[in-house]
């Protein structure tokens, strides 16, 4: 099992992203191994915003959000008060952006690797979190 962040998901679905091919290879490997994936539910607005703002396409952004809901191998985890508190601590101590810290905190809570293309998450996450950049 792995925690995926929005940068990974956007690279996976958008061929124009620099990490697209690496994301596809990593995702295919996860499929082949019947690996399940998790992400905090905040992935929905993050992905929607990334597509609507980045591609200026609200209809595509809505489809992307629907696609996330339909991924049978992806479990969306609610952000409860404990996860939010852990994320706040990580955000403060590691100087990671707030929403990005939620992904890191989820990976830490579950003891699973965080799959991301986000440089800040890779460089600043606590050593207790394994951060993976697909190659």
N, C-alpha and C. Protein backbone atom coordinates (compact mmCIF):
# COMPACT_ATOMS: atom_id res chain seq x y z
N UNK A 1 0.85 -1.17 0.00
CA UNK A 1 0.00 0.00 0.00
C UNK A 1 0.90 1.24 0.00
N UNK A 2 0.44 2.28 -0.66
CA UNK A 2 1.17 3.54 -0.71
C UNK A 2 0.19 4.70 -0.63
N UNK A 3 0.70 5.80 -0.12
CA UNK A 3 -0.05 7.06 -0.12
C UNK A 3 0.41 7.82 -1.36
N UNK A 4 -0.53 8.25 -2.18
CA UNK A 4 -0.17 9.06 -3.35
C UNK A 4 -0.62 10.48 -3.10
N UNK A 5 0.15 11.43 -3.65
CA UNK A 5 -0.25 12.82 -3.52
C UNK A 5 -0.75 13.34 -4.86
N UNK A 6 -1.22 14.55 -4.84
CA UNK A 6 -1.84 15.13 -6.03
C UNK A 6 -0.85 15.31 -7.17
N UNK A 7 0.40 15.64 -6.85
CA UNK A 7 1.40 15.82 -7.93
C UNK A 7 1.58 14.52 -8.70
N UNK A 8 1.56 13.40 -7.99
CA UNK A 8 1.67 12.10 -8.66
C UNK A 8 0.45 11.85 -9.53
N UNK A 9 -0.73 12.06 -8.97
CA UNK A 9 -1.96 11.78 -9.73
C UNK A 9 -2.05 12.65 -10.98
N UNK A 10 -1.72 13.93 -10.86
CA UNK A 10 -1.79 14.82 -12.02
C UNK A 10 -0.79 14.37 -13.09
N UNK A 11 0.40 13.98 -12.67
CA UNK A 11 1.39 13.47 -13.63
C UNK A 11 0.88 12.19 -14.30
N UNK A 12 0.18 11.38 -13.55
CA UNK A 12 -0.35 10.13 -14.09
C UNK A 12 -1.37 10.38 -15.19
N UNK A 13 -2.23 11.36 -15.02
CA UNK A 13 -3.32 11.56 -15.98
C UNK A 13 -3.01 12.59 -17.07
N UNK A 14 -1.96 13.37 -16.88
CA UNK A 14 -1.66 14.45 -17.84
C UNK A 14 -0.35 14.17 -18.55
N UNK A 15 -0.44 13.80 -19.81
CA UNK A 15 0.75 13.45 -20.60
C UNK A 15 1.71 14.62 -20.76
N UNK A 16 1.25 15.83 -20.53
CA UNK A 16 2.12 17.00 -20.66
C UNK A 16 3.00 17.21 -19.42
N UNK A 17 2.72 16.51 -18.34
CA UNK A 17 3.52 16.64 -17.11
C UNK A 17 4.87 15.95 -17.29
N UNK A 18 5.93 16.56 -16.76
CA UNK A 18 7.27 15.96 -16.91
C UNK A 18 7.39 14.54 -16.35
N UNK A 19 6.70 14.21 -15.29
CA UNK A 19 6.81 12.89 -14.69
C UNK A 19 5.79 11.88 -15.20
N UNK A 20 5.11 12.19 -16.30
CA UNK A 20 4.01 11.35 -16.77
C UNK A 20 4.43 9.88 -16.99
N UNK A 21 5.49 9.66 -17.73
CA UNK A 21 5.88 8.28 -18.04
C UNK A 21 6.32 7.53 -16.78
N UNK A 22 7.04 8.21 -15.91
CA UNK A 22 7.46 7.57 -14.66
C UNK A 22 6.23 7.22 -13.80
N UNK A 23 5.26 8.12 -13.76
CA UNK A 23 4.03 7.87 -13.00
C UNK A 23 3.27 6.69 -13.59
N UNK A 24 3.20 6.62 -14.89
CA UNK A 24 2.51 5.49 -15.53
C UNK A 24 3.19 4.17 -15.22
N UNK A 25 4.53 4.15 -15.30
CA UNK A 25 5.26 2.91 -14.98
C UNK A 25 5.02 2.50 -13.53
N UNK A 26 5.11 3.47 -12.62
CA UNK A 26 4.91 3.16 -11.21
C UNK A 26 3.49 2.65 -10.98
N UNK A 27 2.50 3.32 -11.57
CA UNK A 27 1.10 2.94 -11.39
C UNK A 27 0.85 1.54 -11.97
N UNK A 28 1.40 1.26 -13.13
CA UNK A 28 1.22 -0.06 -13.75
C UNK A 28 1.81 -1.15 -12.86
N UNK A 29 2.96 -0.87 -12.28
CA UNK A 29 3.57 -1.82 -11.35
C UNK A 29 2.67 -2.05 -10.14
N UNK A 30 2.10 -0.98 -9.62
CA UNK A 30 1.17 -1.10 -8.49
C UNK A 30 -0.05 -1.94 -8.88
N UNK A 31 -0.57 -1.71 -10.09
CA UNK A 31 -1.70 -2.52 -10.57
C UNK A 31 -1.31 -3.99 -10.68
N UNK A 32 -0.15 -4.25 -11.25
CA UNK A 32 0.31 -5.63 -11.43
C UNK A 32 0.48 -6.35 -10.10
N UNK A 33 0.82 -5.61 -9.06
CA UNK A 33 1.02 -6.21 -7.74
C UNK A 33 -0.25 -6.15 -6.89
N UNK A 34 -1.35 -5.72 -7.49
CA UNK A 34 -2.62 -5.54 -6.77
C UNK A 34 -2.44 -4.67 -5.53
N UNK A 35 -1.57 -3.69 -5.65
CA UNK A 35 -1.31 -2.75 -4.56
C UNK A 35 -2.50 -1.81 -4.45
N UNK A 36 -2.87 -1.48 -3.23
CA UNK A 36 -3.92 -0.49 -3.05
C UNK A 36 -3.27 0.84 -2.69
N UNK A 37 -3.96 1.91 -2.98
CA UNK A 37 -3.45 3.25 -2.78
C UNK A 37 -4.39 4.01 -1.87
N UNK A 38 -3.84 4.95 -1.13
CA UNK A 38 -4.65 5.82 -0.29
C UNK A 38 -4.22 7.26 -0.50
N UNK A 39 -5.14 8.16 -0.22
CA UNK A 39 -4.87 9.59 -0.29
C UNK A 39 -5.89 10.29 0.61
N UNK A 40 -5.50 11.40 1.19
CA UNK A 40 -6.50 12.15 1.94
C UNK A 40 -7.53 12.73 0.98
N UNK A 41 -8.73 12.88 1.44
CA UNK A 41 -9.84 13.35 0.60
C UNK A 41 -9.57 14.74 0.03
N UNK A 42 -8.63 15.47 0.60
CA UNK A 42 -8.30 16.79 0.05
C UNK A 42 -7.70 16.70 -1.34
N UNK A 43 -7.39 15.47 -1.79
CA UNK A 43 -6.92 15.31 -3.16
C UNK A 43 -7.98 15.79 -4.15
N UNK A 44 -9.25 15.66 -3.79
CA UNK A 44 -10.32 16.07 -4.70
C UNK A 44 -10.23 17.55 -5.08
N UNK A 45 -10.24 18.48 -4.11
CA UNK A 45 -10.14 19.88 -4.51
C UNK A 45 -8.77 20.24 -5.09
N UNK A 46 -7.72 19.59 -4.60
CA UNK A 46 -6.39 19.88 -5.14
C UNK A 46 -6.30 19.51 -6.62
N UNK A 47 -6.79 18.31 -6.97
CA UNK A 47 -6.74 17.87 -8.37
C UNK A 47 -7.67 18.72 -9.23
N UNK A 48 -8.87 18.99 -8.72
CA UNK A 48 -9.79 19.84 -9.48
C UNK A 48 -9.20 21.20 -9.76
N UNK A 49 -8.58 21.80 -8.75
CA UNK A 49 -7.97 23.11 -8.93
C UNK A 49 -6.78 23.05 -9.88
N UNK A 50 -5.98 22.00 -9.78
CA UNK A 50 -4.81 21.88 -10.66
C UNK A 50 -5.22 21.84 -12.13
N UNK A 51 -6.29 21.12 -12.41
CA UNK A 51 -6.75 21.01 -13.81
C UNK A 51 -7.47 22.29 -14.24
N UNK A 52 -8.38 22.79 -13.41
CA UNK A 52 -9.13 23.98 -13.83
C UNK A 52 -8.21 25.20 -13.98
N UNK A 53 -7.27 25.35 -13.07
CA UNK A 53 -6.35 26.49 -13.15
C UNK A 53 -5.27 26.27 -14.19
N UNK A 54 -4.69 25.06 -14.19
CA UNK A 54 -3.57 24.78 -15.08
C UNK A 54 -3.95 24.67 -16.54
N UNK A 55 -5.11 24.07 -16.79
CA UNK A 55 -5.56 23.85 -18.17
C UNK A 55 -6.73 24.74 -18.54
N UNK A 56 -7.21 25.54 -17.58
CA UNK A 56 -8.35 26.42 -17.81
C UNK A 56 -9.54 25.66 -18.38
N UNK A 57 -9.84 24.53 -17.72
CA UNK A 57 -10.88 23.66 -18.24
C UNK A 57 -11.70 23.09 -17.07
N UNK A 58 -12.80 23.75 -16.75
CA UNK A 58 -13.63 23.33 -15.63
C UNK A 58 -14.31 21.99 -15.86
N UNK A 59 -14.72 21.72 -17.07
CA UNK A 59 -15.38 20.45 -17.37
C UNK A 59 -14.42 19.29 -17.17
N UNK A 60 -13.20 19.43 -17.68
CA UNK A 60 -12.19 18.39 -17.48
C UNK A 60 -11.88 18.24 -16.00
N UNK A 61 -11.81 19.34 -15.28
CA UNK A 61 -11.54 19.29 -13.83
C UNK A 61 -12.62 18.48 -13.12
N UNK A 62 -13.88 18.67 -13.48
CA UNK A 62 -14.98 17.91 -12.87
C UNK A 62 -14.84 16.42 -13.21
N UNK A 63 -14.43 16.11 -14.43
CA UNK A 63 -14.24 14.70 -14.82
C UNK A 63 -13.09 14.07 -14.03
N UNK A 64 -12.05 14.84 -13.80
CA UNK A 64 -10.91 14.34 -13.02
C UNK A 64 -11.36 14.00 -11.60
N UNK A 65 -12.13 14.88 -10.99
CA UNK A 65 -12.63 14.61 -9.64
C UNK A 65 -13.49 13.35 -9.64
N UNK A 66 -14.34 13.18 -10.64
CA UNK A 66 -15.17 11.97 -10.75
C UNK A 66 -14.28 10.73 -10.92
N UNK A 67 -13.22 10.87 -11.72
CA UNK A 67 -12.31 9.75 -11.96
C UNK A 67 -11.66 9.30 -10.66
N UNK A 68 -11.26 10.24 -9.83
CA UNK A 68 -10.65 9.89 -8.55
C UNK A 68 -11.64 9.06 -7.72
N UNK A 69 -12.90 9.47 -7.71
CA UNK A 69 -13.92 8.72 -6.98
C UNK A 69 -14.10 7.31 -7.53
N UNK A 70 -13.87 7.13 -8.81
CA UNK A 70 -14.11 5.84 -9.45
C UNK A 70 -12.92 4.89 -9.40
N UNK A 71 -11.76 5.36 -8.97
CA UNK A 71 -10.59 4.48 -8.89
C UNK A 71 -10.80 3.45 -7.77
N UNK A 72 -11.04 2.22 -8.15
CA UNK A 72 -11.35 1.20 -7.15
C UNK A 72 -10.15 0.88 -6.25
N UNK A 73 -8.95 1.12 -6.73
CA UNK A 73 -7.78 0.81 -5.92
C UNK A 73 -7.35 1.98 -5.03
N UNK A 74 -8.08 3.09 -5.08
CA UNK A 74 -7.74 4.27 -4.29
C UNK A 74 -8.78 4.48 -3.19
N UNK A 75 -8.31 4.50 -1.95
CA UNK A 75 -9.18 4.80 -0.82
C UNK A 75 -8.93 6.24 -0.38
N UNK A 76 -9.98 7.02 -0.34
CA UNK A 76 -9.88 8.40 0.13
C UNK A 76 -10.13 8.43 1.63
N UNK A 77 -9.19 9.02 2.35
CA UNK A 77 -9.23 9.04 3.81
C UNK A 77 -9.69 10.41 4.29
N UNK A 78 -10.70 10.47 5.16
CA UNK A 78 -11.13 11.76 5.71
C UNK A 78 -10.01 12.40 6.54
N UNK A 79 -10.01 13.70 6.56
CA UNK A 79 -9.06 14.43 7.40
C UNK A 79 -9.77 14.71 8.72
N UNK A 80 -9.46 13.88 9.70
CA UNK A 80 -10.06 14.08 11.03
C UNK A 80 -9.16 15.01 11.85
N UNK A 81 -9.59 15.28 13.05
CA UNK A 81 -8.86 16.23 13.90
C UNK A 81 -7.44 15.73 14.21
N UNK A 82 -7.28 14.43 14.45
CA UNK A 82 -5.95 13.89 14.75
C UNK A 82 -5.01 14.02 13.55
N UNK A 83 -5.51 13.69 12.36
CA UNK A 83 -4.67 13.82 11.17
C UNK A 83 -4.33 15.28 10.92
N UNK A 84 -5.29 16.16 11.12
CA UNK A 84 -5.04 17.59 10.95
C UNK A 84 -3.99 18.09 11.94
N UNK A 85 -4.05 17.63 13.19
CA UNK A 85 -3.07 18.03 14.19
C UNK A 85 -1.68 17.53 13.84
N UNK A 86 -1.61 16.29 13.36
CA UNK A 86 -0.31 15.74 12.92
C UNK A 86 0.23 16.53 11.74
N UNK A 87 -0.64 16.87 10.82
CA UNK A 87 -0.23 17.65 9.64
C UNK A 87 0.25 19.03 10.05
N UNK A 88 -0.44 19.64 11.02
CA UNK A 88 -0.02 20.97 11.49
C UNK A 88 1.37 20.90 12.10
N UNK A 89 1.62 19.88 12.88
CA UNK A 89 2.94 19.71 13.50
C UNK A 89 4.01 19.55 12.43
N UNK A 90 3.74 18.73 11.43
CA UNK A 90 4.69 18.53 10.32
C UNK A 90 4.89 19.82 9.55
N UNK A 91 3.80 20.52 9.28
CA UNK A 91 3.89 21.78 8.54
C UNK A 91 4.77 22.78 9.28
N UNK A 92 4.61 22.85 10.59
CA UNK A 92 5.38 23.80 11.39
C UNK A 92 6.84 23.37 11.50
N UNK A 93 7.06 22.12 11.89
CA UNK A 93 8.41 21.66 12.15
C UNK A 93 9.25 21.47 10.89
N UNK A 94 8.60 21.06 9.81
CA UNK A 94 9.34 20.75 8.58
C UNK A 94 9.20 21.83 7.52
N UNK A 95 8.38 22.83 7.81
CA UNK A 95 8.13 23.93 6.87
C UNK A 95 7.63 23.40 5.51
N UNK A 96 6.62 22.56 5.63
CA UNK A 96 5.95 22.00 4.45
C UNK A 96 4.59 22.69 4.33
N UNK A 97 4.18 23.02 3.10
CA UNK A 97 2.87 23.65 2.88
C UNK A 97 1.78 22.82 3.55
N UNK A 98 0.74 23.52 4.02
CA UNK A 98 -0.31 22.91 4.82
C UNK A 98 -0.94 21.66 4.23
N UNK A 99 -1.48 21.77 3.02
CA UNK A 99 -2.14 20.61 2.42
C UNK A 99 -1.14 19.51 2.11
N UNK A 100 0.07 19.87 1.72
CA UNK A 100 1.10 18.86 1.47
C UNK A 100 1.44 18.11 2.75
N UNK A 101 1.40 18.82 3.88
CA UNK A 101 1.69 18.19 5.16
C UNK A 101 0.63 17.14 5.51
N UNK A 102 -0.59 17.29 5.02
CA UNK A 102 -1.63 16.29 5.27
C UNK A 102 -1.26 14.96 4.62
N UNK A 103 -0.73 15.01 3.40
CA UNK A 103 -0.30 13.79 2.72
C UNK A 103 0.85 13.13 3.49
N UNK A 104 1.80 13.94 3.94
CA UNK A 104 2.94 13.43 4.71
C UNK A 104 2.44 12.81 6.02
N UNK A 105 1.54 13.49 6.71
CA UNK A 105 1.01 12.98 7.97
C UNK A 105 0.26 11.67 7.77
N UNK A 106 -0.47 11.55 6.67
CA UNK A 106 -1.18 10.30 6.40
C UNK A 106 -0.19 9.16 6.18
N UNK A 107 0.86 9.42 5.41
CA UNK A 107 1.88 8.40 5.19
C UNK A 107 2.53 8.00 6.52
N UNK A 108 2.81 8.99 7.35
CA UNK A 108 3.42 8.72 8.65
C UNK A 108 2.48 7.90 9.52
N UNK A 109 1.21 8.29 9.57
CA UNK A 109 0.22 7.59 10.40
C UNK A 109 0.10 6.12 9.99
N UNK A 110 0.10 5.88 8.69
CA UNK A 110 -0.13 4.52 8.18
C UNK A 110 1.16 3.71 8.05
N UNK A 111 2.31 4.38 8.18
CA UNK A 111 3.59 3.68 8.01
C UNK A 111 3.80 3.21 6.58
N UNK A 112 3.26 3.98 5.64
CA UNK A 112 3.35 3.64 4.22
C UNK A 112 4.18 4.70 3.50
N UNK A 113 4.79 4.35 2.38
CA UNK A 113 5.53 5.35 1.62
C UNK A 113 4.60 6.38 0.99
N UNK A 114 5.12 7.58 0.83
CA UNK A 114 4.42 8.66 0.13
C UNK A 114 5.01 8.76 -1.27
N UNK A 115 4.18 8.62 -2.28
CA UNK A 115 4.62 8.69 -3.67
C UNK A 115 4.29 10.08 -4.18
N UNK A 116 5.32 10.82 -4.59
CA UNK A 116 5.13 12.22 -4.95
C UNK A 116 6.21 12.70 -5.90
N UNK A 117 5.89 13.75 -6.64
CA UNK A 117 6.88 14.47 -7.43
C UNK A 117 7.22 15.81 -6.76
N UNK A 118 6.62 16.07 -5.62
CA UNK A 118 6.80 17.34 -4.93
C UNK A 118 8.17 17.39 -4.25
N UNK A 119 9.01 18.30 -4.69
CA UNK A 119 10.38 18.40 -4.18
C UNK A 119 10.39 18.73 -2.69
N UNK A 120 9.51 19.62 -2.26
CA UNK A 120 9.47 20.03 -0.86
C UNK A 120 9.11 18.84 0.04
N UNK A 121 8.15 18.05 -0.37
CA UNK A 121 7.79 16.87 0.41
C UNK A 121 8.97 15.89 0.48
N UNK A 122 9.64 15.71 -0.64
CA UNK A 122 10.79 14.78 -0.67
C UNK A 122 11.92 15.27 0.23
N UNK A 123 12.20 16.55 0.20
CA UNK A 123 13.36 17.08 0.92
C UNK A 123 13.09 17.39 2.38
N UNK A 124 11.85 17.70 2.74
CA UNK A 124 11.57 18.18 4.09
C UNK A 124 10.77 17.24 4.97
N UNK A 125 10.27 16.15 4.42
CA UNK A 125 9.47 15.24 5.24
C UNK A 125 10.30 14.66 6.37
N UNK A 126 9.66 14.34 7.49
CA UNK A 126 10.40 13.73 8.59
C UNK A 126 11.06 12.43 8.15
N UNK A 127 12.15 12.07 8.78
CA UNK A 127 12.86 10.85 8.40
C UNK A 127 12.03 9.61 8.66
N UNK A 128 10.99 9.73 9.46
CA UNK A 128 10.10 8.59 9.74
C UNK A 128 9.19 8.26 8.56
N UNK A 129 9.19 9.13 7.55
CA UNK A 129 8.34 8.92 6.38
C UNK A 129 9.21 8.58 5.18
N UNK A 130 8.90 7.47 4.54
CA UNK A 130 9.59 7.09 3.31
C UNK A 130 8.91 7.82 2.15
N UNK A 131 9.67 8.63 1.44
CA UNK A 131 9.12 9.40 0.33
C UNK A 131 9.74 8.87 -0.96
N UNK A 132 8.88 8.53 -1.92
CA UNK A 132 9.31 7.91 -3.16
C UNK A 132 8.95 8.81 -4.33
N UNK A 133 9.92 9.05 -5.20
CA UNK A 133 9.64 9.73 -6.47
C UNK A 133 9.75 8.68 -7.56
N UNK A 134 8.66 8.46 -8.30
CA UNK A 134 8.73 7.48 -9.38
C UNK A 134 9.79 7.86 -10.41
N UNK A 135 10.50 6.85 -10.88
CA UNK A 135 11.52 7.09 -11.91
C UNK A 135 11.28 6.19 -13.09
